[in-house]
Amino acid sequence: MNFNLHIVSSDRIFYQGECESLIVPTNDGLVGILANHSNVIMALIPGQLQYRRPNQKDEYCSIGSGMIKVENNDVLVLIDTIERPDEIDEKRARLAVAKAKEELLQKRSMQEYHMAQAHLQRALSRLKVKSH
């Protein structure tokens, strides 16, 4: 059993077609979507998105924040950024990890602290996806 998947980022339509399974990062952890999933809308956090097209291997991507809507076997993922492993510059991602860790050590406002945490999470996600 499959469902229709639409993955759209701020600058491109990343994927449209059938899908067997989808795993997305949310504030409550990873959420898996299969055919005939109940209708839901959820916020997505930066992390790793994993999906499988029919009769294919799992594909991994690094995503920024966004949202997912599941309705009547049709899934829409709207995100600010998405990258395949071959689109990720590993050196740049490692520099981003180091910079975010440095920002976390500095005494700043709570808002700046949370922004640094988000930057760190995004950079670590990119490195994880690159390793696939």
N, C-alpha and C. Protein backbone atom coordinates (compact mmCIF):
# COMPACT_ATOMS: atom_id res chain seq x y z
N MET A 1 0.85 -1.18 0.00
CA MET A 1 0.00 0.00 0.00
C MET A 1 0.89 1.24 0.00
N ASN A 2 0.54 2.20 -0.82
CA ASN A 2 1.28 3.44 -0.95
C ASN A 2 0.39 4.65 -0.69
N PHE A 3 1.02 5.80 -0.58
CA PHE A 3 0.29 7.06 -0.45
C PHE A 3 0.97 8.09 -1.34
N ASN A 4 0.28 9.18 -1.60
CA ASN A 4 0.84 10.26 -2.40
C ASN A 4 1.65 11.18 -1.50
N LEU A 5 2.87 11.50 -1.93
CA LEU A 5 3.75 12.36 -1.14
C LEU A 5 4.17 13.56 -1.97
N HIS A 6 4.08 14.73 -1.36
CA HIS A 6 4.53 15.98 -1.97
C HIS A 6 5.47 16.63 -0.96
N ILE A 7 6.74 16.79 -1.36
CA ILE A 7 7.72 17.46 -0.51
C ILE A 7 8.10 18.75 -1.22
N VAL A 8 7.78 19.88 -0.57
CA VAL A 8 8.00 21.19 -1.17
C VAL A 8 8.82 22.04 -0.20
N SER A 9 9.93 22.60 -0.72
CA SER A 9 10.72 23.52 0.09
C SER A 9 10.50 24.93 -0.42
N SER A 10 11.12 25.89 0.23
CA SER A 10 10.91 27.29 -0.15
C SER A 10 11.42 27.61 -1.55
N ASP A 11 12.32 26.78 -2.08
CA ASP A 11 12.88 27.10 -3.40
C ASP A 11 12.63 26.05 -4.49
N ARG A 12 11.98 24.93 -4.15
CA ARG A 12 11.75 23.92 -5.18
C ARG A 12 10.74 22.86 -4.74
N ILE A 13 10.21 22.19 -5.74
CA ILE A 13 9.42 20.99 -5.48
C ILE A 13 10.43 19.86 -5.44
N PHE A 14 10.63 19.27 -4.28
CA PHE A 14 11.67 18.27 -4.08
C PHE A 14 11.24 16.90 -4.59
N TYR A 15 10.01 16.50 -4.26
CA TYR A 15 9.51 15.19 -4.69
C TYR A 15 7.99 15.21 -4.74
N GLN A 16 7.46 14.60 -5.79
CA GLN A 16 6.02 14.36 -5.90
C GLN A 16 5.85 12.96 -6.48
N GLY A 17 5.11 12.14 -5.80
CA GLY A 17 4.88 10.79 -6.30
C GLY A 17 4.44 9.85 -5.21
N GLU A 18 4.45 8.56 -5.54
CA GLU A 18 4.03 7.55 -4.59
C GLU A 18 5.12 7.28 -3.57
N CYS A 19 4.69 6.87 -2.40
CA CYS A 19 5.61 6.61 -1.30
C CYS A 19 5.10 5.44 -0.48
N GLU A 20 6.03 4.59 0.00
CA GLU A 20 5.67 3.48 0.86
C GLU A 20 5.70 3.87 2.33
N SER A 21 6.73 4.67 2.70
CA SER A 21 6.86 5.08 4.10
C SER A 21 7.61 6.40 4.18
N LEU A 22 7.36 7.11 5.27
CA LEU A 22 7.97 8.41 5.51
C LEU A 22 8.23 8.53 7.01
N ILE A 23 9.42 9.02 7.36
CA ILE A 23 9.74 9.28 8.76
C ILE A 23 10.21 10.72 8.86
N VAL A 24 9.59 11.50 9.75
CA VAL A 24 9.89 12.92 9.88
C VAL A 24 10.21 13.27 11.34
N PRO A 25 11.08 14.29 11.54
CA PRO A 25 11.40 14.73 12.90
C PRO A 25 10.39 15.77 13.41
N THR A 26 9.87 15.53 14.60
CA THR A 26 8.93 16.47 15.23
C THR A 26 9.43 16.77 16.65
N ASN A 27 8.79 17.70 17.31
CA ASN A 27 9.15 18.02 18.70
C ASN A 27 8.96 16.82 19.62
N ASP A 28 8.08 15.91 19.25
CA ASP A 28 7.80 14.73 20.06
C ASP A 28 8.64 13.53 19.65
N GLY A 29 9.60 13.72 18.75
CA GLY A 29 10.43 12.62 18.28
C GLY A 29 10.13 12.31 16.81
N LEU A 30 10.63 11.18 16.36
CA LEU A 30 10.40 10.77 14.98
C LEU A 30 9.00 10.21 14.83
N VAL A 31 8.34 10.58 13.73
CA VAL A 31 7.00 10.10 13.45
C VAL A 31 7.01 9.39 12.11
N GLY A 32 6.46 8.18 12.09
CA GLY A 32 6.39 7.41 10.86
C GLY A 32 5.01 7.53 10.23
N ILE A 33 5.00 7.60 8.91
CA ILE A 33 3.76 7.70 8.15
C ILE A 33 3.71 6.53 7.17
N LEU A 34 2.63 5.79 7.17
CA LEU A 34 2.37 4.73 6.21
C LEU A 34 1.04 5.00 5.53
N ALA A 35 0.71 4.18 4.56
CA ALA A 35 -0.57 4.34 3.86
C ALA A 35 -1.73 4.29 4.86
N ASN A 36 -2.74 5.08 4.60
CA ASN A 36 -3.96 5.15 5.41
C ASN A 36 -3.71 5.67 6.83
N HIS A 37 -2.68 6.49 7.00
CA HIS A 37 -2.41 7.12 8.29
C HIS A 37 -3.57 8.06 8.62
N SER A 38 -3.84 8.23 9.88
CA SER A 38 -4.91 9.15 10.27
C SER A 38 -4.56 10.58 9.87
N ASN A 39 -5.58 11.39 9.66
CA ASN A 39 -5.37 12.79 9.28
C ASN A 39 -4.72 13.53 10.44
N VAL A 40 -3.70 14.34 10.10
CA VAL A 40 -2.98 15.06 11.14
C VAL A 40 -2.19 16.21 10.51
N ILE A 41 -1.95 17.23 11.32
CA ILE A 41 -1.03 18.32 10.96
C ILE A 41 -0.05 18.43 12.10
N MET A 42 1.26 18.45 11.75
CA MET A 42 2.31 18.52 12.77
C MET A 42 3.40 19.49 12.34
N ALA A 43 4.06 20.09 13.32
CA ALA A 43 5.23 20.91 13.05
C ALA A 43 6.44 20.00 12.90
N LEU A 44 7.34 20.37 11.99
CA LEU A 44 8.58 19.63 11.79
C LEU A 44 9.74 20.47 12.30
N ILE A 45 10.73 19.80 12.84
CA ILE A 45 11.93 20.47 13.32
C ILE A 45 13.10 20.07 12.42
N PRO A 46 14.18 20.84 12.46
CA PRO A 46 15.35 20.45 11.66
C PRO A 46 15.82 19.05 12.05
N GLY A 47 16.15 18.28 11.05
CA GLY A 47 16.59 16.91 11.30
C GLY A 47 16.65 16.11 10.02
N GLN A 48 16.51 14.82 10.18
CA GLN A 48 16.62 13.91 9.04
C GLN A 48 15.24 13.42 8.62
N LEU A 49 14.92 13.57 7.36
CA LEU A 49 13.69 13.04 6.78
C LEU A 49 14.08 11.80 6.00
N GLN A 50 13.30 10.74 6.15
CA GLN A 50 13.58 9.48 5.46
C GLN A 50 12.31 9.04 4.75
N TYR A 51 12.43 8.69 3.48
CA TYR A 51 11.27 8.19 2.75
C TYR A 51 11.67 7.07 1.81
N ARG A 52 10.68 6.23 1.48
CA ARG A 52 10.92 5.12 0.57
C ARG A 52 9.88 5.13 -0.54
N ARG A 53 10.39 5.26 -1.76
CA ARG A 53 9.51 5.14 -2.93
C ARG A 53 9.23 3.67 -3.16
N PRO A 54 8.14 3.33 -3.88
CA PRO A 54 7.80 1.92 -4.10
C PRO A 54 8.97 1.14 -4.71
N ASN A 55 9.29 0.02 -4.09
CA ASN A 55 10.32 -0.90 -4.56
C ASN A 55 11.71 -0.27 -4.68
N GLN A 56 12.00 0.70 -3.83
CA GLN A 56 13.30 1.38 -3.83
C GLN A 56 13.90 1.30 -2.43
N LYS A 57 15.16 1.72 -2.31
CA LYS A 57 15.81 1.82 -1.01
C LYS A 57 15.37 3.11 -0.32
N ASP A 58 15.57 3.16 1.00
CA ASP A 58 15.28 4.38 1.75
C ASP A 58 16.16 5.51 1.24
N GLU A 59 15.60 6.71 1.19
CA GLU A 59 16.34 7.92 0.84
C GLU A 59 16.33 8.84 2.06
N TYR A 60 17.47 9.49 2.30
CA TYR A 60 17.63 10.35 3.46
C TYR A 60 17.90 11.78 3.01
N CYS A 61 17.33 12.73 3.74
CA CYS A 61 17.52 14.15 3.45
C CYS A 61 17.63 14.91 4.76
N SER A 62 18.33 16.01 4.71
CA SER A 62 18.40 16.91 5.85
C SER A 62 17.38 18.02 5.61
N ILE A 63 16.55 18.29 6.61
CA ILE A 63 15.52 19.31 6.44
C ILE A 63 15.64 20.38 7.52
N GLY A 64 15.09 21.55 7.19
CA GLY A 64 14.93 22.62 8.16
C GLY A 64 13.55 22.48 8.79
N SER A 65 13.06 23.52 9.39
CA SER A 65 11.75 23.46 10.03
C SER A 65 10.64 23.56 9.00
N GLY A 66 9.46 23.15 9.41
CA GLY A 66 8.31 23.20 8.50
C GLY A 66 7.09 22.55 9.11
N MET A 67 6.28 21.97 8.26
CA MET A 67 5.06 21.31 8.72
C MET A 67 4.72 20.16 7.79
N ILE A 68 3.89 19.25 8.29
CA ILE A 68 3.40 18.13 7.51
C ILE A 68 1.89 18.05 7.69
N LYS A 69 1.20 17.78 6.58
CA LYS A 69 -0.25 17.58 6.64
C LYS A 69 -0.55 16.22 6.01
N VAL A 70 -1.23 15.37 6.75
CA VAL A 70 -1.66 14.07 6.25
C VAL A 70 -3.18 14.10 6.18
N GLU A 71 -3.70 13.84 4.98
CA GLU A 71 -5.16 13.88 4.80
C GLU A 71 -5.55 12.94 3.67
N ASN A 72 -6.37 11.96 4.00
CA ASN A 72 -6.93 11.03 3.01
C ASN A 72 -5.86 10.42 2.10
N ASN A 73 -4.82 9.86 2.71
CA ASN A 73 -3.75 9.17 1.99
C ASN A 73 -2.92 10.10 1.09
N ASP A 74 -2.97 11.39 1.38
CA ASP A 74 -2.18 12.38 0.66
C ASP A 74 -1.35 13.13 1.70
N VAL A 75 -0.03 13.17 1.51
CA VAL A 75 0.86 13.78 2.50
C VAL A 75 1.57 14.96 1.86
N LEU A 76 1.49 16.10 2.52
CA LEU A 76 2.15 17.32 2.07
C LEU A 76 3.18 17.72 3.13
N VAL A 77 4.45 17.83 2.71
CA VAL A 77 5.52 18.28 3.58
C VAL A 77 5.98 19.63 3.06
N LEU A 78 5.84 20.67 3.88
CA LEU A 78 6.29 22.02 3.54
C LEU A 78 7.43 22.37 4.48
N ILE A 79 8.62 22.64 3.91
CA ILE A 79 9.79 22.91 4.72
C ILE A 79 10.58 24.07 4.14
N ASP A 80 11.36 24.71 5.01
CA ASP A 80 12.15 25.84 4.50
C ASP A 80 13.34 25.38 3.68
N THR A 81 14.03 24.30 4.09
CA THR A 81 15.16 23.79 3.32
C THR A 81 15.17 22.27 3.32
N ILE A 82 15.75 21.71 2.26
CA ILE A 82 15.94 20.26 2.17
C ILE A 82 17.17 20.00 1.31
N GLU A 83 17.97 19.02 1.73
CA GLU A 83 19.19 18.68 1.01
C GLU A 83 19.39 17.17 0.96
N ARG A 84 19.76 16.67 -0.21
CA ARG A 84 20.18 15.28 -0.35
C ARG A 84 21.63 15.18 0.12
N PRO A 85 22.10 13.97 0.43
CA PRO A 85 23.49 13.82 0.88
C PRO A 85 24.51 14.42 -0.08
N ASP A 86 24.30 14.27 -1.38
CA ASP A 86 25.28 14.78 -2.35
C ASP A 86 25.25 16.30 -2.48
N GLU A 87 24.26 16.96 -1.88
CA GLU A 87 24.16 18.41 -1.92
C GLU A 87 24.79 19.07 -0.68
N ILE A 88 25.22 18.27 0.26
CA ILE A 88 25.75 18.78 1.52
C ILE A 88 27.26 18.92 1.45
N ASP A 89 27.74 20.08 1.80
CA ASP A 89 29.18 20.35 1.88
C ASP A 89 29.62 19.97 3.30
N GLU A 90 30.32 18.85 3.42
CA GLU A 90 30.69 18.33 4.73
C GLU A 90 31.57 19.30 5.51
N LYS A 91 32.51 19.93 4.84
CA LYS A 91 33.41 20.87 5.52
C LYS A 91 32.61 22.04 6.10
N ARG A 92 31.68 22.57 5.31
CA ARG A 92 30.86 23.68 5.77
C ARG A 92 29.97 23.26 6.94
N ALA A 93 29.44 22.03 6.88
CA ALA A 93 28.60 21.53 7.97
C ALA A 93 29.41 21.38 9.26
N ARG A 94 30.64 20.89 9.16
CA ARG A 94 31.50 20.76 10.34
C ARG A 94 31.82 22.12 10.95
N LEU A 95 32.06 23.11 10.10
CA LEU A 95 32.29 24.48 10.59
C LEU A 95 31.05 25.02 11.29
N ALA A 96 29.88 24.71 10.75
CA ALA A 96 28.63 25.17 11.37
C ALA A 96 28.42 24.52 12.73
N VAL A 97 28.80 23.25 12.88
CA VAL A 97 28.71 22.58 14.18
C VAL A 97 29.61 23.29 15.19
N ALA A 98 30.84 23.54 14.80
CA ALA A 98 31.79 24.20 15.71
C ALA A 98 31.29 25.59 16.10
N LYS A 99 30.77 26.35 15.13
CA LYS A 99 30.27 27.69 15.42
C LYS A 99 29.07 27.64 16.37
N ALA A 100 28.16 26.70 16.14
CA ALA A 100 26.97 26.59 17.00
C ALA A 100 27.37 26.18 18.42
N LYS A 101 28.34 25.28 18.55
CA LYS A 101 28.80 24.88 19.88
C LYS A 101 29.42 26.07 20.62
N GLU A 102 30.17 26.88 19.90
CA GLU A 102 30.78 28.08 20.49
C GLU A 102 29.69 29.06 20.94
N GLU A 103 28.65 29.23 20.12
CA GLU A 103 27.55 30.13 20.48
C GLU A 103 26.84 29.66 21.73
N LEU A 104 26.71 28.33 21.91
CA LEU A 104 26.05 27.80 23.09
C LEU A 104 26.84 28.09 24.37
N LEU A 105 28.14 28.19 24.25
CA LEU A 105 28.98 28.45 25.42
C LEU A 105 28.95 29.91 25.86
N GLN A 106 28.57 30.80 24.97
CA GLN A 106 28.55 32.23 25.29
C GLN A 106 27.29 32.56 26.09
N LYS A 107 27.42 33.49 27.02
CA LYS A 107 26.27 33.91 27.82
C LYS A 107 25.46 34.91 27.02
N ARG A 108 24.29 34.49 26.63
CA ARG A 108 23.42 35.33 25.81
C ARG A 108 21.98 35.19 26.30
N SER A 109 21.08 35.82 25.59
CA SER A 109 19.66 35.72 25.96
C SER A 109 19.15 34.31 25.67
N MET A 110 18.02 33.98 26.25
CA MET A 110 17.40 32.66 26.02
C MET A 110 17.07 32.47 24.54
N GLN A 111 16.64 33.54 23.89
CA GLN A 111 16.31 33.44 22.47
C GLN A 111 17.56 33.08 21.65
N GLU A 112 18.66 33.74 21.94
CA GLU A 112 19.91 33.44 21.23
C GLU A 112 20.40 32.03 21.54
N TYR A 113 20.21 31.59 22.77
CA TYR A 113 20.58 30.23 23.16
C TYR A 113 19.78 29.22 22.35
N HIS A 114 18.47 29.42 22.24
CA HIS A 114 17.62 28.50 21.49
C HIS A 114 17.95 28.52 20.00
N MET A 115 18.30 29.68 19.49
CA MET A 115 18.71 29.77 18.09
C MET A 115 20.01 28.98 17.87
N ALA A 116 20.94 29.08 18.80
CA ALA A 116 22.19 28.33 18.69
C ALA A 116 21.93 26.83 18.75
N GLN A 117 21.00 26.41 19.62
CA GLN A 117 20.63 25.00 19.68
C GLN A 117 20.06 24.53 18.35
N ALA A 118 19.20 25.34 17.74
CA ALA A 118 18.61 24.99 16.45
C ALA A 118 19.69 24.89 15.37
N HIS A 119 20.64 25.82 15.38
CA HIS A 119 21.73 25.78 14.41
C HIS A 119 22.57 24.52 14.59
N LEU A 120 22.83 24.15 15.83
CA LEU A 120 23.60 22.95 16.10
C LEU A 120 22.85 21.71 15.62
N GLN A 121 21.57 21.64 15.93
CA GLN A 121 20.77 20.49 15.51
C GLN A 121 20.75 20.35 13.99
N ARG A 122 20.59 21.47 13.30
CA ARG A 122 20.56 21.46 11.84
C ARG A 122 21.91 21.00 11.27
N ALA A 123 23.01 21.51 11.80
CA ALA A 123 24.34 21.14 11.31
C ALA A 123 24.63 19.66 11.57
N LEU A 124 24.28 19.17 12.75
CA LEU A 124 24.48 17.76 13.05
C LEU A 124 23.64 16.87 12.15
N SER A 125 22.43 17.31 11.85
CA SER A 125 21.55 16.56 10.95
C SER A 125 22.16 16.47 9.56
N ARG A 126 22.72 17.56 9.09
CA ARG A 126 23.34 17.57 7.77
C ARG A 126 24.51 16.57 7.71
N LEU A 127 25.32 16.52 8.78
CA LEU A 127 26.44 15.57 8.82
C LEU A 127 25.93 14.12 8.86
N LYS A 128 24.86 13.89 9.59
CA LYS A 128 24.29 12.54 9.67
C LYS A 128 23.78 12.09 8.29
N VAL A 129 23.09 12.97 7.60
CA VAL A 129 22.57 12.64 6.27
C VAL A 129 23.72 12.44 5.29
N LYS A 130 24.75 13.25 5.40
CA LYS A 130 25.90 13.14 4.50
C LYS A 130 26.56 11.77 4.64
N SER A 131 26.53 11.20 5.84
CA SER A 131 27.18 9.91 6.08
C SER A 131 26.43 8.74 5.43
N HIS A 132 25.20 8.95 4.97
CA HIS A 132 24.44 7.86 4.34
C HIS A 132 24.95 7.60 2.96
